Amino acid sequence: MKSLFYLIFLISVMAASGCGEKQDPLAVVPETIPQASAQLKRVFDQASPEIRQHTDRLIAAYDKGNLEEAAGMVLQLQENRNLNFDQQMAIRNSRGSLEKNLARGVESGDPKAIAAWRRLQGSAAVE
């Protein structure tokens, strides 16, 4: 009976740990904007020129700290039906990272973060 318990325990531990497989780098939302930018560069490196042009603009907006423009680019890229699965995941991750970072700015009352948050949420109302 004890050996059956240990066998079940071992199987559950192996299943939970993925049996030593490496985790897909796209399975994790980057914590910082530079990490999100690096993930985009890696995933879109071989993208078509049209798609690459849009992601390059997003990366440039990140690099310049223009988060409102970045929010608009993320929204545009999310609507692009020509992205493959990895590209869609990278954009989803990029949005998640952007939202995390914008939330900090919104909490502190940063007007640029608030404007970018509103744009990302689709509620950029004229005040």
Protein backbone atom coordinates (compact mmCIF):
# COMPACT_ATOMS: atom_id res chain seq x y z
CA MET A 1 0.00 0.00 0.00
CA LYS A 2 2.85 2.37 0.85
CA SER A 3 4.52 1.74 -2.52
CA LEU A 4 1.26 2.60 -4.30
CA PHE A 5 1.11 5.88 -2.36
CA TYR A 6 4.71 6.72 -3.35
CA LEU A 7 4.04 5.83 -6.98
CA ILE A 8 1.00 8.12 -7.08
CA PHE A 9 2.98 10.87 -5.34
CA LEU A 10 5.86 10.53 -7.82
CA ILE A 11 3.52 10.67 -10.81
CA SER A 12 1.77 13.77 -9.46
CA VAL A 13 5.08 15.54 -8.80
CA MET A 14 6.32 14.71 -12.31
CA ALA A 15 3.07 15.94 -13.84
CA ALA A 16 3.18 19.17 -11.85
CA SER A 17 6.78 19.84 -12.80
CA GLY A 18 6.31 19.06 -16.48
CA CYS A 19 8.73 16.13 -16.24
CA GLY A 20 11.71 18.45 -16.52
CA GLU A 21 10.58 20.09 -19.75
CA LYS A 22 11.60 23.69 -20.31
CA GLN A 23 8.81 26.20 -19.92
CA ASP A 24 7.74 28.01 -23.08
CA PRO A 25 9.13 31.56 -22.83
CA LEU A 26 5.82 32.88 -24.18
CA ALA A 27 3.97 31.30 -21.26
CA VAL A 28 5.21 34.08 -18.97
CA VAL A 29 4.13 37.73 -19.15
CA PRO A 30 7.27 39.90 -18.93
CA GLU A 31 7.51 41.97 -15.76
CA THR A 32 9.05 45.05 -17.38
CA ILE A 33 8.62 46.99 -20.60
CA PRO A 34 12.23 46.24 -21.69
CA GLN A 35 11.56 42.52 -21.21
CA ALA A 36 8.35 42.80 -23.24
CA SER A 37 10.27 44.65 -25.94
CA ALA A 38 12.94 41.93 -26.03
CA GLN A 39 10.26 39.24 -26.31
CA LEU A 40 8.66 41.10 -29.24
CA LYS A 41 12.02 41.45 -31.00
CA ARG A 42 12.68 37.73 -30.63
CA VAL A 43 9.23 36.57 -31.79
CA PHE A 44 8.80 39.03 -34.68
CA ASP A 45 12.37 38.74 -35.97
CA GLN A 46 11.27 36.74 -39.03
CA ALA A 47 7.83 38.34 -39.49
CA SER A 48 6.64 39.72 -42.81
CA PRO A 49 7.77 43.29 -43.58
CA GLU A 50 4.25 44.67 -43.01
CA ILE A 51 3.87 43.06 -39.60
CA ARG A 52 7.48 43.83 -38.71
CA GLN A 53 6.87 47.51 -39.47
CA HIS A 54 4.07 47.62 -36.88
CA THR A 55 6.02 45.75 -34.22
CA ASP A 56 9.07 47.94 -34.82
CA ARG A 57 6.85 50.98 -34.11
CA LEU A 58 5.62 49.34 -30.91
CA ILE A 59 9.17 48.55 -29.81
CA ALA A 60 10.25 52.12 -30.62
CA ALA A 61 7.35 53.50 -28.57
CA TYR A 62 8.42 51.29 -25.67
CA ASP A 63 12.04 52.41 -26.03
CA LYS A 64 11.02 56.10 -26.05
CA GLY A 65 8.69 55.63 -23.10
CA ASN A 66 5.72 56.72 -25.20
CA LEU A 67 3.24 54.39 -23.56
CA GLU A 68 0.14 55.98 -25.07
CA GLU A 69 1.47 55.29 -28.57
CA ALA A 70 2.48 51.80 -27.43
CA ALA A 71 -1.08 51.20 -26.21
CA GLY A 72 -2.44 52.15 -29.63
CA MET A 73 0.05 49.88 -31.39
CA VAL A 74 -0.82 46.95 -29.10
CA LEU A 75 -4.50 47.42 -29.94
CA GLN A 76 -3.74 47.51 -33.68
CA LEU A 77 -1.61 44.39 -33.50
CA GLN A 78 -4.23 42.52 -31.48
CA GLU A 79 -6.66 43.11 -34.34
CA ASN A 80 -4.24 41.77 -36.96
CA ARG A 81 -5.57 38.40 -38.15
CA ASN A 82 -2.31 37.57 -39.97
CA LEU A 83 -0.32 36.87 -36.81
CA ASN A 84 0.72 33.32 -36.05
CA PHE A 85 0.13 31.78 -32.62
CA ASP A 86 3.51 32.82 -31.13
CA GLN A 87 3.06 36.36 -32.41
CA GLN A 88 -0.44 36.54 -30.90
CA MET A 89 0.94 35.30 -27.58
CA ALA A 90 3.76 37.86 -27.66
CA ILE A 91 1.27 40.68 -28.26
CA ARG A 92 -0.97 39.38 -25.47
CA ASN A 93 2.07 39.26 -23.18
CA SER A 94 3.08 42.74 -24.28
CA ARG A 95 -0.35 44.05 -23.37
CA GLY A 96 -0.21 42.32 -20.00
CA SER A 97 3.18 43.82 -19.26
CA LEU A 98 2.01 47.25 -20.39
CA GLU A 99 -1.10 47.02 -18.20
CA LYS A 100 0.99 46.01 -15.17
CA ASN A 101 3.35 48.93 -15.66
CA LEU A 102 0.59 51.43 -16.43
CA ALA A 103 -1.30 50.42 -13.28
CA ARG A 104 1.63 51.62 -11.19
CA GLY A 105 1.61 54.98 -12.98
CA VAL A 106 -2.16 55.31 -12.72
CA GLU A 107 -1.97 54.66 -8.97
CA SER A 108 0.57 57.44 -8.58
CA GLY A 109 -1.52 59.86 -10.68
CA ASP A 110 0.84 60.06 -13.69
CA PRO A 111 -1.22 61.78 -16.44
CA LYS A 112 0.70 59.99 -19.23
CA ALA A 113 0.00 56.61 -17.65
CA ILE A 114 -3.66 57.52 -17.21
CA ALA A 115 -3.96 58.55 -20.88
CA ALA A 116 -2.24 55.35 -22.03
CA TRP A 117 -4.44 53.25 -19.72
CA ARG A 118 -7.59 54.87 -21.12
CA ARG A 119 -6.43 54.28 -24.66
CA LEU A 120 -5.62 50.66 -23.94
CA GLN A 121 -8.99 50.14 -22.29
CA GLY A 122 -10.77 51.85 -25.19
CA SER A 123 -12.09 54.65 -23.03
CA ALA A 124 -9.94 57.60 -24.11
CA ALA A 125 -12.76 60.03 -23.54
CA VAL A 126 -12.31 63.69 -24.27
CA GLU A 127 -12.26 65.59 -21.01
